[in-house]
Protein backbone atom coordinates (compact mmCIF):
# COMPACT_ATOMS: atom_id res chain seq x y z
CA MET A 1 -23.93 -37.11 -87.50
CA LYS A 2 -21.92 -33.88 -87.58
CA HIS A 3 -20.77 -32.38 -84.27
CA VAL A 4 -19.96 -28.67 -84.18
CA THR A 5 -19.00 -26.07 -81.61
CA VAL A 6 -20.36 -22.55 -81.32
CA LEU A 7 -18.78 -20.00 -78.98
CA VAL A 8 -21.01 -17.56 -77.08
CA LEU A 9 -19.56 -14.25 -75.93
CA SER A 10 -21.89 -12.21 -73.71
CA GLU A 11 -21.67 -10.39 -70.39
CA SER A 12 -25.17 -11.58 -69.62
CA PRO A 13 -25.07 -15.11 -68.20
CA ILE A 14 -28.81 -15.41 -68.86
CA ILE A 15 -28.44 -14.56 -72.56
CA ALA A 16 -25.36 -16.78 -72.92
CA ALA A 17 -27.06 -19.70 -71.15
CA GLY A 18 -30.21 -19.19 -73.23
CA ILE A 19 -28.29 -19.31 -76.51
CA ALA A 20 -26.31 -22.32 -75.30
CA SER A 21 -29.49 -24.11 -74.27
CA LEU A 22 -31.24 -23.30 -77.55
CA LEU A 23 -28.35 -24.53 -79.69
CA SER A 24 -27.42 -27.52 -77.52
CA GLY A 25 -30.87 -28.97 -78.10
CA ARG A 26 -30.00 -29.65 -81.74
CA LYS A 27 -29.73 -33.30 -82.76
CA ASP A 28 -28.62 -32.99 -86.41
CA PRO A 29 -26.10 -31.48 -86.29
CA THR A 30 -25.15 -31.89 -82.66
CA VAL A 31 -24.18 -28.43 -81.42
CA THR A 32 -22.11 -27.70 -78.35
CA ALA A 33 -22.30 -24.07 -77.30
CA LEU A 34 -19.45 -22.93 -75.07
CA MET A 35 -19.32 -19.64 -73.21
CA THR A 36 -16.11 -17.65 -73.42
CA ASP A 37 -14.81 -14.17 -72.70
CA LEU A 38 -12.98 -11.78 -75.01
CA ALA A 39 -9.53 -12.66 -73.64
CA GLY A 40 -10.11 -16.39 -74.15
CA LEU A 41 -11.83 -16.08 -77.53
CA PRO A 42 -8.78 -16.61 -79.83
CA ASP A 43 -7.67 -19.73 -77.95
CA ALA A 44 -11.20 -21.11 -77.69
CA LEU A 45 -11.77 -20.50 -81.40
CA HIS A 46 -8.71 -22.57 -82.33
CA THR A 47 -8.97 -25.22 -79.61
CA HIS A 48 -12.58 -26.08 -80.43
CA LYS A 49 -12.45 -25.26 -84.17
CA ALA A 50 -15.71 -23.39 -83.63
CA ILE A 51 -17.83 -22.87 -86.73
CA ALA A 52 -19.43 -19.74 -85.28
CA VAL A 53 -19.03 -17.08 -82.63
CA MET A 54 -22.24 -15.53 -81.34
CA ALA A 55 -21.14 -12.32 -79.65
CA ASP A 56 -22.46 -9.16 -78.12
CA PRO A 57 -21.12 -6.58 -80.62
CA LEU A 58 -20.36 -4.19 -77.77
CA LEU A 59 -17.94 -6.80 -76.35
CA LEU A 60 -16.42 -7.83 -79.69
CA PRO A 61 -15.88 -4.65 -81.70
CA PRO A 62 -15.79 -4.87 -85.52
CA GLU A 63 -12.05 -4.15 -85.74
CA ARG A 64 -11.31 -7.36 -83.75
CA ILE A 65 -13.21 -9.65 -86.16
CA ALA A 66 -10.98 -9.36 -89.27
CA PRO A 67 -7.80 -10.39 -87.37
CA LEU A 68 -9.61 -13.36 -85.80
CA LYS A 69 -10.80 -14.49 -89.23
CA ALA A 70 -7.33 -14.02 -90.72
CA GLU A 71 -5.72 -16.20 -88.02
CA SER A 72 -8.21 -19.01 -88.58
CA PRO A 73 -7.50 -21.68 -91.24
CA TRP A 74 -11.25 -22.21 -91.62
CA ASN A 75 -13.95 -19.58 -92.03
CA PRO A 76 -15.89 -19.20 -88.75
CA HIS A 77 -19.09 -17.19 -88.85
CA PHE A 78 -19.37 -14.18 -86.57
CA ILE A 79 -22.95 -13.46 -85.52
CA ALA A 80 -23.83 -10.33 -83.58
CA VAL A 81 -26.40 -10.93 -80.84
CA TYR A 82 -27.72 -7.65 -79.51
CA SER A 83 -30.42 -6.55 -77.07
CA SER A 84 -30.84 -2.90 -78.01
CA ALA A 85 -30.75 -0.76 -81.13
CA LEU A 86 -27.25 -0.37 -82.57
CA PRO A 87 -25.80 1.65 -85.42
CA ARG A 88 -24.87 -0.43 -88.49
CA SER A 89 -21.20 0.49 -88.02
CA VAL A 90 -21.09 -1.69 -84.87
CA THR A 91 -22.16 -4.84 -86.74
CA ARG A 92 -20.61 -4.16 -90.17
CA GLU A 93 -17.91 -6.87 -89.88
CA TYR A 94 -20.30 -9.53 -88.60
CA ASP A 95 -21.69 -12.15 -91.01
CA ALA A 96 -25.16 -11.76 -89.53
CA ALA A 97 -26.94 -9.93 -86.73
CA LEU A 98 -29.73 -11.18 -84.48
CA SER A 99 -31.74 -9.54 -81.77
CA VAL A 100 -32.37 -11.45 -78.54
CA TYR A 101 -36.03 -10.84 -79.41
CA ASP A 102 -35.82 -12.75 -82.72
CA PRO A 103 -37.54 -16.13 -82.84
CA PRO A 104 -35.43 -19.16 -81.88
CA GLU A 105 -35.78 -20.52 -85.43
CA GLN A 106 -33.60 -17.66 -86.72
CA PHE A 107 -30.75 -18.63 -84.38
CA ILE A 108 -31.07 -22.27 -85.41
CA SER A 109 -31.31 -21.36 -89.10
CA LEU A 110 -28.05 -19.38 -88.97
CA ILE A 111 -26.20 -22.23 -87.25
CA THR A 112 -27.66 -24.79 -89.69
CA LYS A 113 -26.42 -22.62 -92.57
CA ALA A 114 -22.94 -22.38 -91.02
CA VAL A 115 -22.86 -26.17 -90.58
CA ALA A 116 -23.89 -26.70 -94.22
CA GLU A 117 -21.08 -24.42 -95.36
CA GLU A 118 -18.62 -26.27 -93.09
CA ILE A 119 -19.67 -29.62 -94.60
CA ASP A 120 -19.34 -28.20 -98.14
CA GLU A 121 -15.87 -26.89 -97.26
CA ASP A 122 -14.83 -30.27 -95.83
CA THR A 123 -16.06 -31.99 -98.99
CA SER A 124 -14.18 -29.57 -101.23
CA ARG A 125 -10.98 -30.36 -99.27
CA GLU A 126 -11.29 -34.10 -99.89
CA LEU A 127 -8.80 -35.49 -102.36
CA SER A 128 -9.95 -37.08 -105.60
CA PRO A 129 -8.86 -40.68 -106.30
CA ARG A 130 -6.24 -39.37 -108.77
CA GLU A 131 -4.89 -36.91 -106.18
CA LYS A 132 -4.61 -39.79 -103.68
CA ASP A 133 -2.58 -41.71 -106.28
CA VAL A 134 -0.25 -38.72 -106.60
CA VAL A 135 0.14 -38.52 -102.81
CA ILE A 136 1.06 -42.21 -102.72
CA GLY A 137 3.65 -41.60 -105.45
CA ILE A 138 5.13 -38.67 -103.57
CA VAL A 139 5.29 -40.69 -100.35
CA LYS A 140 7.04 -43.52 -102.22
CA GLY A 141 9.67 -41.00 -103.29
CA LEU A 142 8.77 -41.03 -107.00
CA SER A 143 9.53 -38.07 -109.25
CA ASN A 144 6.76 -36.26 -111.14
CA LYS A 145 7.77 -38.15 -114.29
CA GLU A 146 7.63 -41.52 -112.50
CA ILE A 147 4.24 -40.72 -110.95
CA ALA A 148 2.92 -39.67 -114.38
CA ALA A 149 4.08 -42.97 -115.91
CA GLU A 150 2.64 -45.00 -113.03
CA ILE A 151 -0.86 -43.47 -113.20
CA ASN A 152 -0.78 -42.89 -116.97
CA VAL A 153 -1.11 -39.07 -117.10
CA SER A 154 1.15 -36.25 -118.26
CA VAL A 155 3.78 -34.64 -116.04
CA ASN A 156 1.81 -31.37 -116.25
CA THR A 157 -1.25 -33.16 -114.88
CA VAL A 158 0.82 -34.51 -111.97
CA MET A 159 2.06 -30.96 -111.25
CA THR A 160 -1.54 -29.67 -111.32
CA HIS A 161 -2.58 -32.43 -108.91
CA ARG A 162 0.31 -31.51 -106.60
CA ARG A 163 -0.81 -27.85 -106.53
CA ASN A 164 -4.40 -28.91 -105.80
CA ILE A 165 -3.25 -31.26 -103.04
CA ALA A 166 -1.18 -28.51 -101.40
CA SER A 167 -4.11 -26.10 -101.67
CA LYS A 168 -6.68 -28.52 -100.26
CA LEU A 169 -4.58 -29.95 -97.44
CA GLN A 170 -2.32 -26.96 -96.72
CA ILE A 171 0.57 -29.44 -96.62
CA HIS A 172 3.66 -28.37 -98.56
CA SER A 173 6.30 -30.97 -97.74
CA PRO A 174 6.81 -34.66 -98.54
CA ALA A 175 7.17 -35.35 -94.80
CA GLY A 176 3.80 -33.73 -94.11
CA LEU A 177 2.21 -35.71 -96.96
CA THR A 178 3.73 -38.90 -95.56
CA ILE A 179 2.05 -38.30 -92.21
CA TYR A 180 -1.22 -37.46 -93.99
CA ALA A 181 -0.98 -40.64 -96.10
CA ILE A 182 -0.38 -42.83 -93.03
CA VAL A 183 -3.18 -41.24 -91.01
CA SER A 184 -5.56 -41.44 -94.01
CA LYS A 185 -4.55 -45.08 -94.56
CA LEU A 186 -3.33 -44.43 -98.11
CA VAL A 187 -0.10 -46.23 -97.18
CA SER A 188 0.93 -48.33 -94.23
CA ILE A 189 4.00 -47.86 -92.09
CA ASP A 190 5.11 -51.37 -93.11
CA GLU A 191 5.05 -50.36 -96.79
CA LEU A 192 7.27 -47.38 -96.04
CA LYS A 193 9.65 -49.46 -93.92
CA SER A 194 10.03 -52.03 -96.70
CA ARG A 195 10.95 -49.26 -99.16
CA LEU A 196 13.69 -48.06 -96.79
CA ASP A 197 15.22 -51.54 -96.35
């Protein structure tokens, strides 16, 4: 079961608590809705790896959204939650806009969509079996040519796999890949120790 966090930014404690209550009732995925303020939003976004921010667009102006998205290594959704008529320019940077008068199903539908996109993104970041073989070769200290010979592919294919690995994992050093390989149980610490002896 997937567990996700949604941040709620509103000056109205009743609206914030209502959104939190509505979303926290979800079972699949399990949603935790946390209230935050504008000053704490960047830290809360990163600390909780929130998939969405439901915000009063008068508190979170459109010019603040692009920098928040740019700083985030994932793609959180920004959803405007408003209680009165607003010009389109106020919500133009938001991914969606909802009125507090919209049915609860619309709130849930938007979060379900954000979760589905998050799961798709996680899946697209998973390494293929061949890419895992390349990571193991890198961790063992093999050259591209040695990795190619070991897994029976061309050197160009190994280089392509290395680019894909760096893109998917955002890890660009052998040391970083070593930590990833240990944590992912692709190699054990004992294997690495024996190679050093």
